[in-house]
Amino acid sequence: MAGHRIFSMSFASIYPLYVAKAERKGRTRAEVDHVVRWLTGYDEEGLRRALDDEVDMEEFFARAPQMNPNASLITGVICGHRVEEITDPLMQKIRYLDKLVDEVARGKKMSSILRGSPAT
């Protein structure tokens, strides 16, 4: 079965959209990087490498060192769907990331965005 077209889009093409969304609302690239790293377990170098290699979204999440165990605490609606009810594991991970970036852009406190994890 063919996956959704977003699966084959490069993370490097989507990442600037995440940053632009946050910056339009007065937030920073560093905050976007922080939530991406929190969710996926990438370190700063790993995230840069994924961007430089222009891996697709499927590969980006497949290479992720470790999805955060608190990711399942991310709930709410994104793109008209409740993230906690999405059945495709890859699409759910993508929507988790979308939701986190939305929360950054809305100005939510980092400790809330990170579902109680320290915002260091």
Protein backbone atom coordinates (compact mmCIF):
# COMPACT_ATOMS: atom_id res chain seq x y z
CA MET A 1 0.00 0.00 0.00
CA ALA A 2 1.37 3.41 -0.96
CA GLY A 3 1.98 5.85 1.88
CA HIS A 4 0.79 9.41 2.12
CA ARG A 5 2.74 11.85 -0.03
CA ILE A 6 4.09 13.65 3.06
CA PHE A 7 6.06 10.48 3.88
CA SER A 8 8.30 11.04 0.84
CA MET A 9 8.74 14.79 1.34
CA SER A 10 12.16 15.77 2.64
CA PHE A 11 12.36 16.89 6.23
CA ALA A 12 14.64 19.70 4.99
CA SER A 13 11.75 21.09 2.90
CA ILE A 14 9.28 21.02 5.81
CA TYR A 15 11.61 22.22 8.56
CA PRO A 16 11.85 25.84 7.26
CA LEU A 17 8.04 25.99 7.30
CA TYR A 18 8.04 24.99 10.97
CA VAL A 19 10.65 27.66 11.74
CA ALA A 20 8.80 30.33 9.74
CA LYS A 21 5.56 29.55 11.55
CA ALA A 22 7.24 29.94 14.93
CA GLU A 23 9.15 33.08 13.94
CA ARG A 24 5.99 34.77 12.61
CA LYS A 25 4.65 34.47 16.15
CA GLY A 26 7.80 35.80 17.81
CA ARG A 27 9.32 32.43 18.69
CA THR A 28 12.73 31.12 17.64
CA ARG A 29 14.41 28.44 15.55
CA ALA A 30 16.06 27.24 18.78
CA GLU A 31 12.64 26.55 20.28
CA VAL A 32 11.60 24.59 17.19
CA ASP A 33 14.86 22.63 17.34
CA HIS A 34 14.26 21.95 21.02
CA VAL A 35 10.84 20.34 20.44
CA VAL A 36 12.11 18.38 17.42
CA ARG A 37 14.99 17.01 19.49
CA TRP A 38 12.71 16.32 22.48
CA LEU A 39 10.32 14.29 20.33
CA THR A 40 12.86 12.36 18.27
CA GLY A 41 15.96 12.05 20.44
CA TYR A 42 18.19 13.67 17.82
CA ASP A 43 21.05 15.74 19.15
CA GLU A 44 22.00 19.02 17.49
CA GLU A 45 24.50 17.36 15.16
CA GLY A 46 22.07 14.58 14.20
CA LEU A 47 19.36 17.09 13.38
CA ARG A 48 21.77 19.09 11.18
CA ARG A 49 22.85 15.89 9.43
CA ALA A 50 19.23 14.93 8.72
CA LEU A 51 18.67 18.39 7.23
CA ASP A 52 21.89 18.26 5.19
CA ASP A 53 21.15 14.74 3.91
CA GLU A 54 17.63 15.84 2.92
CA VAL A 55 16.13 12.60 4.20
CA ASP A 56 12.42 12.12 3.66
CA MET A 57 10.01 12.16 6.58
CA GLU A 58 9.87 8.38 6.71
CA GLU A 59 13.66 8.14 6.94
CA PHE A 60 13.82 11.06 9.39
CA PHE A 61 11.63 9.22 11.88
CA ALA A 62 13.22 5.83 11.11
CA ARG A 63 16.66 7.28 11.97
CA ALA A 64 15.38 9.02 15.10
CA PRO A 65 17.52 7.79 17.99
CA GLN A 66 14.54 7.37 20.32
CA MET A 67 11.03 8.74 20.25
CA ASN A 68 10.23 10.40 23.55
CA PRO A 69 8.22 8.06 25.79
CA ASN A 70 5.97 11.01 26.68
CA ALA A 71 4.97 11.52 23.04
CA SER A 72 1.75 9.64 23.75
CA LEU A 73 0.79 12.52 26.06
CA ILE A 74 0.47 14.78 23.00
CA THR A 75 -3.23 15.16 22.34
CA GLY A 76 -5.48 17.48 20.43
CA VAL A 77 -6.53 18.27 16.91
CA ILE A 78 -4.17 18.92 14.03
CA CYS A 79 -5.28 19.10 10.41
CA GLY A 80 -8.78 18.15 11.52
CA HIS A 81 -7.71 14.89 13.18
CA ARG A 82 -7.13 14.01 16.80
CA VAL A 83 -3.46 13.04 17.02
CA GLU A 84 -4.13 10.39 19.63
CA GLU A 85 -6.54 8.60 17.25
CA ILE A 86 -4.29 8.45 14.18
CA THR A 87 -3.68 4.78 13.42
CA ASP A 88 -0.71 5.01 11.04
CA PRO A 89 2.39 5.18 13.29
CA LEU A 90 4.42 7.37 10.91
CA MET A 91 1.57 9.80 10.30
CA GLN A 92 1.02 10.01 14.05
CA LYS A 93 4.68 10.92 14.60
CA ILE A 94 4.49 13.59 11.91
CA ARG A 95 1.34 15.02 13.46
CA TYR A 96 2.92 14.94 16.92
CA LEU A 97 5.67 17.15 15.53
CA ASP A 98 3.12 19.41 13.83
CA LYS A 99 1.26 19.77 17.12
CA LEU A 100 4.43 20.62 19.06
CA VAL A 101 5.40 23.30 16.54
CA ASP A 102 1.86 24.72 16.70
CA GLU A 103 2.15 24.93 20.48
CA VAL A 104 5.51 26.72 20.20
CA ALA A 105 3.98 29.20 17.73
CA ARG A 106 1.00 29.80 20.02
CA GLY A 107 3.35 30.81 22.81
CA LYS A 108 2.66 27.91 25.12
CA LYS A 109 5.19 27.45 27.95
CA MET A 110 7.98 25.06 27.01
CA SER A 111 7.40 22.93 30.12
CA SER A 112 3.81 22.34 28.95
CA ILE A 113 4.87 21.63 25.38
CA LEU A 114 7.39 19.07 26.62
CA ARG A 115 4.68 17.38 28.66
CA GLY A 116 6.28 18.06 32.01
CA SER A 117 9.88 17.38 30.95
CA PRO A 118 12.43 19.99 31.99
CA ALA A 119 12.71 22.79 29.43
CA THR A 120 16.51 22.98 29.61
